[in-house]
Amino acid sequence: MLRAAHSRRRPWLAAAASNPRRLRTAASTRRRPWLTVAGAALATVLALSACSPGTGVSATPTMPGAGDSYYPDLGNAGYEADHYALSLDIDPVRGSLSGTATIDAHATADLPKFSLDLVGLDVQGVTVGGQAATQNRQGNKLVVVPARPVSSGAHFTVAVTYSGTPQPIADASGNRTGADKVGWHHDGDEVYVASEVSGARTWYPVNDTPRNKATYSFALTVPAGYTAVANGTLRGQTPHGSGSTFAWEATAPVASYVATVDVGRFVAIDATGPHGLPITVYAPPDLAASARERFAQLPDMISYFESLLGPYPFDTAGAVVVSPGFRWSLETQTRPVYGSQVLTMNQETAAEGISHELAHQWFGDSVTPSNWSDIWLNEGFATYLSWLWLEHSGQRDFLTGLMTTQYGYELNAPDYATLLNHSDLPPEQILPILRRLFQPDGHPVPDAQILSAMGLSSASGLTSAKALGLLGVKPGSADATSYLEDARSSAPISPPASDLFTGGVYNRGAMALQALRLRVGDAAFFRILSTYAAAHRYGNATTDDFIHAAESVANSDLTAFFQTWLRDPKAPPMPQLLPPQ
């Protein structure tokens, strides 16, 4: 998941050649940056970050959730969904829908009643096993009382007929970047879905937990001239009244947060990947030519990742580009969704983002964390694999700056926190901080130049407020909050539940993999990745599962290593970034 909404300004700096009295900082997103690095002495970091915006979780749950340690109200207890069949009529102009969700499930406990996650929308009726059931709404739960209780171990079918205009919701993860809200989005005459963490409930009744992956089929009816896109493979398009019904099928299990429906006046751009893999990118007609060019490297990216990780997990690949110009993207399974800005940013930045979302097809979509606290298994891995693609494709200069800048967020957080926490810090303590932060190419900027950039002729007038102003960080801002969090702990494991997608999850998580590669060697490292991906293909995993794979393949006790890189609050020193050419 990429995000980009508030920028975190980082000094990856040199003096401007045109004005030696002025210092520049590089603008970048604090979490999952799609970054550009421009200039030899200077870098300007433009960020994109994956999307994981806020959730409507009931403060006083009336039905038990699935038991996630971070978001215990999400999901439902007593059953697991096996398959969702979503038959929906969608009006892309109004952003509304009507239809039926039919859910095949099996009970893991006796069920006199059970619940589904659903926000808003009007429910016209519910059946269980073909018999009318009683239903009521309790907070964000649709509570169903079947005519006859469902026994533990029994397979049963629930059909929910519903309609309305879905609205996106704030997310429990506290994400303040990317989309303001998660779930069903309507813009103009386009609909797109971005649900991480808890937005699936905005558009269909669901057991909304990553632990309960299921297969999906979609029958999506839209007006003439529109195309409906979903996960998996397009099985057919048939006339329906004045419009068409698009039938999609996802035969590999899908976590609810990466299930998707996208509707627009799209053009289909077809390509072929390795082993005949069908690849389709959808984009509005006026963006189709740019999308064709921008995503032309997808077949090569898939081939490269297959060489490292094993076979691509699904039977189709591609992307959906929508008209709104947002800068985030999300790894919706088989077909990630992107805002149109992916077509206008520079090639290196776009390649980093596209390869990130593709990497998620292995780590996030095929292998899905059992618990949200292990989100680094998604984001750290996708970040690292995007680095590998940039190295493979010859973007070493760009990549070196990107890795240095991204991990620098975690290394420099304590200095930022010192300035934020101590408004009365004396100049003799502030100046060393600025010397550390302003070191392009490892060479400190002269004190006089730093002071001049703040309009000072001597250090006597230097204050924390002036230093923060130079660094572009406003106290109380989301950037400031992020620095304070990372200063307390940048450990990739167990980020704050109220701010799940921290810099440590992406940047330190990725650098932990780089450090592991250096520790065990390339041959063992890439066997670890492929072994882990294969062992948990289409299922769920935990950090302990990955550690077990690493120790088994490397035949080594890595307890101390993982303690340092995944659990210790303080970020370890920067490891070697790239092997010499």
Protein backbone atom coordinates (compact mmCIF):
# COMPACT_ATOMS: atom_id res chain seq x y z
CA MET A 1 0.00 0.00 0.00
CA LEU A 2 1.33 3.33 -0.97
CA ARG A 3 0.33 6.62 0.47
CA ALA A 4 0.97 10.26 -0.06
CA ALA A 5 -0.85 13.02 1.57
CA HIS A 6 1.25 14.96 3.96
CA SER A 7 4.87 15.62 3.26
CA ARG A 8 7.70 15.22 5.67
CA ARG A 9 10.59 17.48 4.78
CA ARG A 10 13.97 15.90 5.12
CA PRO A 11 17.39 17.47 4.78
CA TRP A 12 19.16 15.43 2.17
CA LEU A 13 20.87 18.56 1.20
CA ALA A 14 23.46 20.72 -0.28
CA ALA A 15 23.53 24.44 -0.80
CA ALA A 16 21.75 25.61 -3.91
CA ALA A 17 24.32 26.22 -6.59
CA SER A 18 22.55 29.37 -7.68
CA ASN A 19 22.40 30.75 -4.15
CA PRO A 20 25.08 29.52 -1.75
CA ARG A 21 23.37 31.31 1.12
CA ARG A 22 20.26 29.17 0.87
CA LEU A 23 19.76 25.59 2.05
CA ARG A 24 17.16 23.31 0.53
CA THR A 25 15.29 20.41 2.07
CA ALA A 26 13.80 17.54 0.15
CA ALA A 27 10.04 17.08 0.37
CA SER A 28 8.97 13.53 0.99
CA THR A 29 6.17 11.55 2.49
CA ARG A 30 6.93 10.29 5.95
CA ARG A 31 5.71 6.73 5.36
CA ARG A 32 5.88 4.92 2.09
CA PRO A 33 7.48 7.37 -0.34
CA TRP A 34 7.54 7.06 -4.07
CA LEU A 35 10.60 9.22 -4.27
CA THR A 36 12.53 11.00 -6.90
CA VAL A 37 16.14 11.87 -6.35
CA ALA A 38 17.30 14.69 -8.58
CA GLY A 39 20.71 16.29 -8.85
CA ALA A 40 24.13 15.12 -7.87
CA ALA A 41 24.71 17.21 -4.80
CA LEU A 42 21.08 17.88 -4.07
CA ALA A 43 18.10 15.61 -3.94
CA THR A 44 14.46 16.44 -4.18
CA VAL A 45 12.39 13.64 -2.83
CA LEU A 46 8.82 13.49 -4.09
CA ALA A 47 6.69 11.09 -2.19
CA LEU A 48 3.85 8.76 -2.79
CA SER A 49 2.60 6.50 -0.07
CA ALA A 50 0.21 3.67 -0.08
CA CYS A 51 -3.18 4.04 1.00
CA SER A 52 -4.51 3.02 4.28
CA PRO A 53 -6.76 5.76 5.51
CA GLY A 54 -9.24 5.54 8.70
CA THR A 55 -12.26 2.93 9.99
CA GLY A 56 -15.71 3.10 11.39
CA VAL A 57 -15.34 0.60 14.20
CA SER A 58 -18.05 0.62 16.82
CA ALA A 59 -16.82 1.90 20.18
CA THR A 60 -19.15 -0.48 21.99
CA PRO A 61 -19.27 -3.72 20.02
CA THR A 62 -22.34 -5.86 20.56
CA MET A 63 -21.11 -8.90 18.62
CA PRO A 64 -17.64 -10.42 18.95
CA GLY A 65 -15.06 -9.61 16.30
CA ALA A 66 -12.45 -11.92 14.80
CA GLY A 67 -9.99 -11.28 17.63
CA ASP A 68 -7.29 -9.24 15.95
CA SER A 69 -5.00 -7.92 18.68
CA TYR A 70 -5.13 -4.37 17.26
CA TYR A 71 -8.69 -4.10 15.96
CA PRO A 72 -10.67 -6.74 17.87
CA ASP A 73 -14.05 -5.49 16.59
CA LEU A 74 -13.14 -6.12 12.95
CA GLY A 75 -14.41 -9.35 11.46
CA ASN A 76 -16.74 -11.80 13.13
CA ALA A 77 -16.57 -14.90 15.27
CA GLY A 78 -18.08 -18.35 14.84
CA TYR A 79 -17.70 -18.91 11.10
CA GLU A 80 -15.46 -18.45 8.10
CA ALA A 81 -16.59 -17.28 4.68
CA ASP A 82 -15.48 -19.54 1.81
CA HIS A 83 -16.87 -17.69 -1.21
CA TYR A 84 -18.56 -14.36 -1.98
CA ALA A 85 -20.83 -14.03 -5.03
CA LEU A 86 -21.58 -10.33 -5.52
CA SER A 87 -24.33 -9.53 -8.02
CA LEU A 88 -24.54 -5.75 -8.20
CA ASP A 89 -26.19 -3.12 -10.36
CA ILE A 90 -23.95 -0.04 -10.20
CA ASP A 91 -24.81 3.52 -11.20
CA PRO A 92 -21.42 5.21 -11.73
CA VAL A 93 -22.97 8.66 -12.10
CA ARG A 94 -24.66 8.54 -8.71
CA GLY A 95 -22.15 6.17 -7.13
CA SER A 96 -24.97 3.91 -5.96
CA LEU A 97 -25.49 0.17 -6.04
CA SER A 98 -28.16 -2.46 -5.49
CA GLY A 99 -27.96 -6.22 -5.50
CA THR A 100 -27.30 -9.37 -3.56
CA ALA A 101 -24.26 -10.72 -1.74
CA THR A 102 -24.38 -14.51 -1.47
CA ILE A 103 -21.87 -15.92 0.99
CA ASP A 104 -20.93 -19.57 1.31
CA ALA A 105 -19.50 -20.22 4.76
CA HIS A 106 -18.80 -22.86 7.34
CA ALA A 107 -19.49 -22.61 11.06
CA THR A 108 -16.66 -22.97 13.57
CA ALA A 109 -19.10 -22.82 16.49
CA ASP A 110 -22.80 -23.30 17.07
CA LEU A 111 -24.54 -20.22 15.69
CA PRO A 112 -27.93 -19.22 17.04
CA LYS A 113 -26.97 -15.87 15.50
CA PHE A 114 -23.97 -14.39 13.74
CA SER A 115 -22.85 -11.09 12.27
CA LEU A 116 -21.40 -9.55 9.13
CA ASP A 117 -19.55 -6.25 8.88
CA LEU A 118 -21.61 -3.61 7.05
CA VAL A 119 -21.67 0.19 7.24
CA GLY A 120 -24.63 2.21 5.96
CA LEU A 121 -26.64 0.77 3.06
CA ASP A 122 -30.20 -0.48 3.32
CA VAL A 123 -30.79 -4.20 3.81
CA GLN A 124 -34.00 -5.42 2.22
CA GLY A 125 -33.72 -9.02 3.33
CA VAL A 126 -31.53 -11.90 4.50
CA THR A 127 -31.87 -15.62 3.98
CA VAL A 128 -29.85 -18.45 5.51
CA GLY A 129 -30.05 -21.75 3.68
CA GLY A 130 -32.86 -20.33 1.55
CA GLN A 131 -35.04 -19.52 4.56
CA ALA A 132 -35.87 -15.99 5.65
CA ALA A 133 -33.81 -14.86 8.62
CA THR A 134 -34.27 -12.06 11.11
CA GLN A 135 -31.77 -9.24 10.80
CA ASN A 136 -30.95 -6.10 12.73
CA ARG A 137 -28.16 -3.55 12.82
CA GLN A 138 -25.90 -3.18 15.84
CA GLY A 139 -23.21 -0.57 15.31
CA ASN A 140 -21.20 -1.62 12.26
CA LYS A 141 -22.58 -5.15 12.36
CA LEU A 142 -25.44 -6.74 10.47
CA VAL A 143 -26.72 -9.30 12.98
CA VAL A 144 -28.45 -12.32 11.45
CA VAL A 145 -30.69 -14.74 13.35
CA PRO A 146 -31.38 -17.78 11.15
CA ALA A 147 -34.69 -19.60 11.27
CA ARG A 148 -32.80 -22.58 12.63
CA PRO A 149 -29.44 -22.36 14.43
CA VAL A 150 -26.40 -23.37 12.41
CA SER A 151 -24.42 -26.20 13.98
CA SER A 152 -20.64 -26.12 14.35
CA GLY A 153 -19.00 -27.67 11.32
CA ALA A 154 -21.99 -27.10 9.06
CA HIS A 155 -21.71 -25.40 5.69
CA PHE A 156 -24.35 -22.76 5.07
CA THR A 157 -25.27 -20.03 2.59
CA VAL A 158 -26.27 -16.48 3.47
CA ALA A 159 -27.89 -14.15 0.93
CA VAL A 160 -28.17 -10.43 1.71
CA THR A 161 -30.20 -8.17 -0.58
CA TYR A 162 -29.20 -4.54 -0.15
CA SER A 163 -28.91 -1.15 -1.81
CA GLY A 164 -27.76 2.41 -1.29
CA THR A 165 -24.98 4.86 -1.98
CA PRO A 166 -21.87 3.62 -0.20
CA GLN A 167 -19.78 6.18 1.63
CA PRO A 168 -16.10 5.82 2.54
CA ILE A 169 -15.27 5.79 6.24
CA ALA A 170 -12.46 6.84 8.58
CA ASP A 171 -10.09 4.00 9.42
CA ALA A 172 -9.06 2.46 12.73
CA SER A 173 -5.42 2.45 11.65
CA GLY A 174 -5.33 6.24 12.09
CA ASN A 175 -3.79 6.75 8.67
CA ARG A 176 -3.59 10.43 7.80
CA THR A 177 -2.09 10.00 4.37
CA GLY A 178 -3.41 8.98 0.99
CA ALA A 179 -7.18 8.91 0.71
CA ASP A 180 -8.89 10.67 3.60
CA LYS A 181 -11.18 7.67 4.01
CA VAL A 182 -11.35 4.04 2.95
CA GLY A 183 -13.80 1.90 1.03
CA TRP A 184 -16.05 2.81 -1.88
CA HIS A 185 -15.04 6.03 -3.63
CA HIS A 186 -17.10 7.92 -6.20
CA ASP A 187 -15.63 10.71 -8.31
CA GLY A 188 -17.49 12.16 -11.30
CA ASP A 189 -18.74 9.09 -13.15
CA GLU A 190 -16.07 6.72 -11.86
CA VAL A 191 -16.15 4.33 -8.93
CA TYR A 192 -13.06 2.79 -7.35
CA VAL A 193 -12.43 0.85 -4.16
CA ALA A 194 -9.52 1.24 -1.73
CA SER A 195 -10.35 -0.55 1.52
CA GLU A 196 -7.23 -1.10 3.65
CA VAL A 197 -7.75 -1.55 6.61
CA SER A 198 -11.54 -1.71 7.08
CA GLY A 199 -13.29 -0.26 4.03
CA ALA A 200 -14.73 -3.45 2.53
CA ARG A 201 -17.73 -3.11 4.84
CA THR A 202 -18.74 0.08 3.03
CA TRP A 203 -19.89 -1.75 -0.12
CA TYR A 204 -20.78 -5.35 0.76
CA PRO A 205 -21.55 -7.45 3.87
CA VAL A 206 -18.32 -9.21 4.79
CA ASN A 207 -16.28 -10.98 7.42
CA ASP A 208 -13.80 -8.10 7.33
CA THR A 209 -10.62 -9.65 8.67
CA PRO A 210 -7.45 -10.63 6.76
CA ARG A 211 -7.55 -14.00 8.51
CA ASN A 212 -10.64 -15.01 6.52
CA LYS A 213 -9.63 -15.05 2.86
CA ALA A 214 -12.18 -16.32 0.38
CA THR A 215 -12.75 -16.76 -3.34
CA TYR A 216 -14.99 -14.30 -5.20
CA SER A 217 -17.26 -14.09 -8.20
CA PHE A 218 -18.76 -10.85 -9.44
CA ALA A 219 -21.68 -10.06 -11.75
CA LEU A 220 -21.48 -6.29 -12.19
CA THR A 221 -24.14 -4.56 -14.27
CA VAL A 222 -23.34 -1.05 -15.51
CA PRO A 223 -24.80 1.37 -18.09
CA ALA A 224 -23.82 1.27 -21.75
CA GLY A 225 -20.37 2.73 -22.40
CA TYR A 226 -19.01 1.78 -18.98
CA THR A 227 -16.68 -1.04 -17.98
CA ALA A 228 -16.77 -2.80 -14.59
CA VAL A 229 -13.50 -4.26 -13.33
CA ALA A 230 -12.93 -6.57 -10.36
CA ASN A 231 -10.40 -9.06 -9.04
CA GLY A 232 -9.35 -12.06 -11.04
CA THR A 233 -10.30 -13.03 -14.58
CA LEU A 234 -13.00 -11.54 -16.81
CA ARG A 235 -15.25 -14.49 -17.67
CA GLY A 236 -17.61 -12.63 -19.95
CA GLN A 237 -19.58 -9.52 -20.87
CA THR A 238 -23.27 -9.92 -21.70
CA PRO A 239 -25.99 -7.41 -22.64
CA HIS A 240 -28.35 -6.52 -19.82
CA GLY A 241 -31.13 -4.07 -20.56
CA SER A 242 -29.51 -0.89 -21.82
CA GLY A 243 -26.18 -1.84 -20.29
CA SER A 244 -23.89 -4.81 -19.77
CA THR A 245 -23.03 -7.31 -17.08
CA PHE A 246 -19.36 -8.06 -16.51
CA ALA A 247 -18.62 -11.43 -14.91
CA TRP A 248 -15.35 -11.71 -12.97
CA GLU A 249 -13.93 -14.62 -11.00
CA ALA A 250 -11.12 -14.72 -8.46
CA THR A 251 -10.26 -18.39 -7.94
CA ALA A 252 -7.39 -17.71 -5.52
CA PRO A 253 -8.35 -16.58 -2.02
CA VAL A 254 -8.70 -12.82 -1.54
CA ALA A 255 -8.44 -10.83 1.71
CA SER A 256 -11.39 -8.47 2.02
CA TYR A 257 -9.26 -5.33 2.10
CA VAL A 258 -7.87 -6.06 -1.39
CA ALA A 259 -11.21 -7.00 -2.96
CA THR A 260 -12.19 -4.36 -5.48
CA VAL A 261 -14.72 -3.03 -7.96
CA ASP A 262 -13.83 -0.20 -10.36
CA VAL A 263 -16.25 1.33 -12.85
CA GLY A 264 -15.56 3.90 -15.54
CA ARG A 265 -15.40 4.56 -19.27
CA PHE A 266 -12.25 2.48 -19.41
CA VAL A 267 -10.10 1.30 -22.29
CA ALA A 268 -8.55 -2.17 -21.88
CA ILE A 269 -4.83 -2.30 -22.65
CA ASP A 270 -3.75 -5.92 -23.09
CA ALA A 271 -0.29 -7.43 -22.84
CA THR A 272 1.22 -10.84 -22.21
CA GLY A 273 3.50 -11.71 -19.33
CA PRO A 274 5.74 -14.71 -18.66
CA HIS A 275 4.29 -18.14 -19.46
CA GLY A 276 1.44 -16.50 -21.36
CA LEU A 277 0.12 -14.63 -18.31
CA PRO A 278 -2.68 -12.28 -19.41
CA ILE A 279 -2.08 -8.67 -18.32
CA THR A 280 -4.74 -5.98 -18.68
CA VAL A 281 -4.44 -2.36 -17.63
CA TYR A 282 -7.64 -0.30 -17.58
CA ALA A 283 -7.59 3.48 -18.00
CA PRO A 284 -9.90 6.27 -19.21
CA PRO A 285 -9.61 6.90 -22.97
CA ASP A 286 -7.74 10.19 -22.60
CA LEU A 287 -5.14 8.48 -20.39
CA ALA A 288 -4.86 5.20 -22.29
CA ALA A 289 -1.79 6.07 -24.36
CA SER A 290 0.11 7.26 -21.31
CA ALA A 291 -0.99 4.22 -19.33
CA ARG A 292 0.16 1.87 -22.09
CA GLU A 293 3.62 3.44 -21.99
CA ARG A 294 3.86 3.72 -18.21
CA PHE A 295 2.90 0.08 -17.52
CA ALA A 296 4.88 -1.38 -20.43
CA GLN A 297 7.47 -2.78 -17.99
CA LEU A 298 4.95 -4.93 -16.09
CA PRO A 299 5.88 -8.15 -17.98
CA ASP A 300 9.58 -7.60 -17.25
CA MET A 301 8.86 -6.78 -13.60
CA ILE A 302 6.85 -9.98 -13.21
CA SER A 303 9.62 -12.04 -14.83
CA TYR A 304 12.23 -10.51 -12.54
CA PHE A 305 10.21 -11.07 -9.37
CA GLU A 306 9.47 -14.64 -10.44
CA SER A 307 13.23 -15.22 -10.68
CA LEU A 308 13.56 -14.17 -7.04
CA LEU A 309 10.31 -15.29 -5.43
CA GLY A 310 8.88 -18.13 -7.47
CA PRO A 311 5.83 -18.16 -9.73
CA TYR A 312 3.49 -15.19 -9.89
CA PRO A 313 0.63 -16.23 -7.58
CA PHE A 314 -2.41 -15.48 -9.74
CA ASP A 315 -3.87 -16.21 -13.16
CA THR A 316 -3.98 -12.60 -14.33
CA ALA A 317 -2.25 -9.29 -13.66
CA GLY A 318 -2.66 -5.63 -14.51
CA ALA A 319 -3.79 -2.32 -13.05
CA VAL A 320 -6.62 0.21 -12.99
CA VAL A 321 -5.83 3.88 -13.50
CA VAL A 322 -8.67 6.25 -12.56
CA SER A 323 -9.07 9.89 -13.49
CA PRO A 324 -8.67 11.54 -10.04
CA GLY A 325 -5.13 12.82 -9.58
CA PHE A 326 -4.35 11.29 -6.19
CA ARG A 327 -0.76 10.12 -5.57
CA TRP A 328 -1.39 6.95 -3.59
CA SER A 329 -2.10 3.44 -4.82
CA LEU A 330 -3.32 0.16 -3.36
CA GLU A 331 -2.45 -3.46 -4.06
CA THR A 332 -5.99 -4.63 -4.87
CA GLN A 333 -5.45 -8.27 -5.81
CA THR A 334 -4.40 -8.93 -9.43
CA ARG A 335 -5.19 -5.35 -10.44
CA PRO A 336 -3.85 -2.53 -8.20
CA VAL A 337 -5.58 0.84 -8.39
CA TYR A 338 -3.65 4.04 -9.17
CA GLY A 339 -4.52 7.71 -9.38
CA SER A 340 -3.73 9.45 -12.65
CA GLN A 341 -0.61 11.08 -11.22
CA VAL A 342 1.22 7.80 -11.78
CA LEU A 343 1.21 8.81 -15.46
CA THR A 344 2.79 12.24 -14.99
CA MET A 345 5.55 11.64 -12.47
CA ASN A 346 9.06 10.79 -13.61
CA GLN A 347 9.83 7.27 -14.75
CA GLU A 348 11.97 6.25 -11.75
CA THR A 349 9.35 7.37 -9.25
CA ALA A 350 6.56 5.60 -11.11
CA ALA A 351 8.65 2.42 -11.45
CA GLU A 352 9.25 2.37 -7.72
CA GLY A 353 5.52 2.60 -7.04
CA ILE A 354 4.39 0.12 -9.69
CA SER A 355 6.99 -2.45 -8.63
CA HIS A 356 5.93 -1.92 -5.00
CA GLU A 357 2.31 -2.80 -5.78
CA LEU A 358 3.36 -5.74 -7.94
CA ALA A 359 5.52 -7.09 -5.11
CA HIS A 360 2.43 -7.01 -2.91
CA GLN A 361 0.88 -9.69 -5.09
CA TRP A 362 3.34 -12.08 -3.42
CA PHE A 363 3.56 -10.35 -0.02
CA GLY A 364 0.22 -8.99 1.14
CA ASP A 365 -2.16 -10.60 -1.35
CA SER A 366 -0.94 -14.19 -1.69
CA VAL A 367 0.77 -14.26 1.72
CA THR A 368 -1.35 -12.12 4.03
CA PRO A 369 -0.53 -11.21 7.64
CA SER A 370 -2.60 -13.05 10.22
CA ASN A 371 -2.60 -9.93 12.38
CA TRP A 372 -2.51 -6.25 11.47
CA SER A 373 0.38 -5.81 13.91
CA ASP A 374 2.54 -7.70 11.38
CA ILE A 375 1.88 -5.21 8.57
CA TRP A 376 5.63 -4.89 7.96
CA LEU A 377 5.41 -8.30 6.26
CA ASN A 378 3.48 -6.44 3.55
CA GLU A 379 5.05 -3.02 3.44
CA GLY A 380 8.67 -3.73 4.36
CA PHE A 381 8.80 -6.53 1.79
CA ALA A 382 7.16 -4.52 -1.01
CA THR A 383 9.44 -1.56 -0.30
CA TYR A 384 12.52 -3.75 -0.44
CA LEU A 385 11.47 -5.48 -3.64
CA SER A 386 10.86 -2.14 -5.30
CA TRP A 387 14.46 -1.27 -4.37
CA LEU A 388 15.63 -4.50 -6.00
CA TRP A 389 13.74 -3.67 -9.19
CA LEU A 390 15.35 -0.24 -9.37
CA GLU A 391 18.77 -1.84 -8.92
CA HIS A 392 17.98 -4.46 -11.55
CA SER A 393 16.77 -1.84 -14.03
CA GLY A 394 19.92 0.26 -13.68
CA GLN A 395 18.64 3.10 -11.47
CA ARG A 396 21.49 2.82 -8.96
CA ASP A 397 22.02 6.55 -8.40
CA PHE A 398 18.30 7.11 -7.86
CA LEU A 399 18.10 4.06 -5.60
CA THR A 400 21.07 5.01 -3.43
CA GLY A 401 19.51 8.39 -2.68
CA LEU A 402 16.11 6.82 -2.12
CA MET A 403 17.39 4.20 0.36
CA THR A 404 19.50 6.76 2.20
CA THR A 405 16.61 9.18 2.46
CA GLN A 406 13.98 6.63 3.45
CA TYR A 407 16.04 4.99 6.18
CA GLY A 408 17.32 8.39 7.21
CA TYR A 409 13.80 9.11 8.43
CA GLU A 410 14.26 6.54 11.16
CA LEU A 411 17.88 7.38 11.98
CA ASN A 412 17.17 11.11 12.28
CA ALA A 413 13.88 10.91 14.17
CA PRO A 414 15.54 11.36 17.62
CA ASP A 415 17.07 14.68 16.50
CA TYR A 416 13.72 15.94 15.27
CA ALA A 417 12.07 14.77 18.49
CA THR A 418 14.65 16.67 20.55
CA LEU A 419 13.77 19.90 18.76
CA LEU A 420 10.03 19.22 19.03
CA ASN A 421 10.14 18.31 22.71
CA HIS A 422 12.43 21.14 23.86
CA SER A 423 11.39 24.59 22.73
CA ASP A 424 13.98 26.15 25.06
CA LEU A 425 16.96 24.15 23.82
CA PRO A 426 20.12 26.30 23.93
CA PRO A 427 21.89 27.14 20.66
CA GLU A 428 24.93 25.06 21.55
CA GLN A 429 22.70 21.95 21.54
CA ILE A 430 20.73 22.89 18.42
CA LEU A 431 23.66 23.55 16.13
CA PRO A 432 25.13 20.01 16.41
CA ILE A 433 21.70 18.63 15.44
CA LEU A 434 21.62 20.76 12.32
CA ARG A 435 25.19 19.77 11.48
CA ARG A 436 24.17 16.11 11.60
CA LEU A 437 21.09 16.65 9.47
CA PHE A 438 22.70 18.80 6.80
CA GLN A 439 25.35 16.44 5.48
CA PRO A 440 24.92 15.89 1.75
CA ASP A 441 27.34 13.19 0.58
CA GLY A 442 28.58 12.88 4.17
CA HIS A 443 30.10 16.35 4.21
CA PRO A 444 28.73 18.86 6.73
CA VAL A 445 27.45 22.21 5.56
CA PRO A 446 29.37 25.11 7.16
CA ASP A 447 27.72 26.58 10.27
CA ALA A 448 27.63 30.03 8.68
CA GLN A 449 25.60 28.68 5.77
CA ILE A 450 23.13 26.94 8.07
CA LEU A 451 22.68 30.10 10.14
CA SER A 452 22.39 32.29 7.06
CA ALA A 453 19.56 30.14 5.77
CA MET A 454 17.63 31.16 8.90
CA GLY A 455 18.55 34.82 8.58
CA LEU A 456 21.07 34.63 11.43
CA SER A 457 24.59 35.98 11.53
CA SER A 458 25.49 34.16 14.75
CA ALA A 459 24.26 31.20 16.77
CA SER A 460 23.06 33.38 19.63
CA GLY A 461 19.62 33.78 18.04
CA LEU A 462 19.20 30.11 17.21
CA THR A 463 16.07 28.49 18.66
CA SER A 464 14.30 25.17 18.25
CA ALA A 465 11.49 26.97 16.44
CA LYS A 466 13.89 28.45 13.88
CA ALA A 467 15.57 25.10 13.35
CA LEU A 468 12.22 23.37 12.82
CA GLY A 469 11.23 26.11 10.42
CA LEU A 470 14.36 25.48 8.40
CA LEU A 471 13.60 21.75 8.41
CA GLY A 472 9.99 22.32 7.36
CA VAL A 473 8.41 20.60 10.35
CA LYS A 474 5.54 22.31 12.14
CA PRO A 475 4.91 21.31 15.77
CA GLY A 476 1.59 19.50 16.07
CA SER A 477 1.58 18.45 12.41
CA ALA A 478 1.28 14.86 11.21
CA ASP A 479 4.96 14.96 10.27
CA ALA A 480 5.88 16.02 13.79
CA THR A 481 3.75 13.24 15.24
CA SER A 482 5.51 10.73 13.02
CA TYR A 483 8.97 11.86 14.11
CA LEU A 484 7.96 11.65 17.75
CA GLU A 485 6.58 8.14 17.23
CA ASP A 486 9.67 6.95 15.38
CA ALA A 487 11.92 8.46 18.05
CA ARG A 488 10.10 6.41 20.69
CA SER A 489 10.32 3.31 18.52
CA SER A 490 10.84 2.68 14.81
CA ALA A 491 10.58 -1.09 15.29
CA PRO A 492 8.74 -2.62 12.31
CA ILE A 493 6.91 -5.12 14.52
CA SER A 494 3.89 -3.83 16.41
CA PRO A 495 3.62 -0.19 15.29
CA PRO A 496 1.00 1.89 17.13
CA ALA A 497 -2.49 0.55 16.45
CA SER A 498 -3.71 4.12 16.08
CA ASP A 499 -1.02 4.90 13.49
CA LEU A 500 -0.35 1.58 11.81
CA PHE A 501 1.59 2.65 8.73
CA THR A 502 4.63 4.24 10.30
CA GLY A 503 7.93 4.94 8.62
CA GLY A 504 9.50 2.07 10.53
CA VAL A 505 7.06 -0.39 8.94
CA TYR A 506 8.18 0.60 5.43
CA ASN A 507 11.70 1.92 5.70
CA ARG A 508 13.22 0.02 8.60
CA GLY A 509 11.27 -3.08 7.57
CA ALA A 510 12.88 -2.91 4.13
CA MET A 511 16.32 -2.18 5.55
CA ALA A 512 15.96 -5.18 7.87
CA LEU A 513 15.73 -7.34 4.76
CA GLN A 514 18.81 -5.66 3.31
CA ALA A 515 20.67 -6.37 6.56
CA LEU A 516 19.47 -9.99 6.48
CA ARG A 517 20.75 -10.32 2.91
CA LEU A 518 24.16 -9.10 4.03
CA ARG A 519 24.10 -11.41 7.05
CA VAL A 520 23.25 -14.68 5.26
CA GLY A 521 24.44 -13.99 1.68
CA ASP A 522 22.49 -13.67 -1.53
CA ALA A 523 21.92 -17.38 -2.19
CA ALA A 524 20.41 -18.06 1.24
CA PHE A 525 18.53 -14.75 1.32
CA PHE A 526 16.61 -15.31 -1.89
CA ARG A 527 15.89 -18.92 -0.88
CA ILE A 528 14.42 -17.51 2.33
CA LEU A 529 12.08 -15.24 0.38
CA SER A 530 10.95 -17.94 -2.05
CA THR A 531 10.59 -20.54 0.71
CA TYR A 532 8.46 -18.21 2.83
CA ALA A 533 6.32 -17.20 -0.18
CA ALA A 534 5.72 -20.83 -1.16
CA ALA A 535 5.03 -22.10 2.36
CA HIS A 536 2.24 -19.58 2.96
CA ARG A 537 0.95 -19.15 -0.60
CA TYR A 538 -2.75 -18.15 -0.56
CA GLY A 539 -2.75 -18.20 3.23
CA ASN A 540 -1.73 -16.17 6.26
CA ALA A 541 1.57 -15.73 8.08
CA THR A 542 3.15 -14.08 11.09
CA THR A 543 6.57 -12.60 11.76
CA ASP A 544 7.47 -15.79 13.60
CA ASP A 545 6.69 -17.74 10.42
CA PHE A 546 9.14 -15.59 8.47
CA ILE A 547 11.81 -15.90 11.16
CA HIS A 548 11.35 -19.68 11.11
CA ALA A 549 11.85 -19.72 7.34
CA ALA A 550 14.96 -17.55 7.65
CA GLU A 551 16.56 -19.64 10.36
CA SER A 552 15.72 -22.92 8.63
CA VAL A 553 17.17 -21.91 5.26
CA ALA A 554 20.21 -20.17 6.74
CA ASN A 555 20.70 -22.98 9.28
CA SER A 556 21.49 -20.30 11.82
CA ASP A 557 20.10 -18.87 15.04
CA LEU A 558 19.05 -15.33 14.07
CA THR A 559 17.41 -14.39 17.37
CA ALA A 560 19.79 -11.52 18.12
CA PHE A 561 19.65 -10.25 14.55
CA PHE A 562 15.85 -10.03 14.46
CA GLN A 563 15.76 -8.54 17.94
CA THR A 564 17.99 -5.71 16.72
CA TRP A 565 16.23 -5.10 13.42
CA LEU A 566 12.59 -5.82 14.18
CA ARG A 567 12.04 -5.26 17.88
CA ASP A 568 14.54 -2.84 19.40
CA PRO A 569 13.10 0.70 19.54
CA LYS A 570 16.24 2.39 18.19
CA ALA A 571 17.04 2.09 14.50
CA PRO A 572 20.34 0.25 13.88
CA PRO A 573 23.06 1.97 11.85
CA MET A 574 22.69 2.12 8.08
CA PRO A 575 23.95 -1.13 6.52
CA GLN A 576 25.78 -1.34 3.21
CA LEU A 577 23.27 -0.34 0.56
CA LEU A 578 24.34 -1.78 -2.78
CA PRO A 579 27.00 -4.27 -3.82
CA PRO A 580 29.81 -2.75 -5.90
CA GLN A 581 29.41 -3.06 -9.66
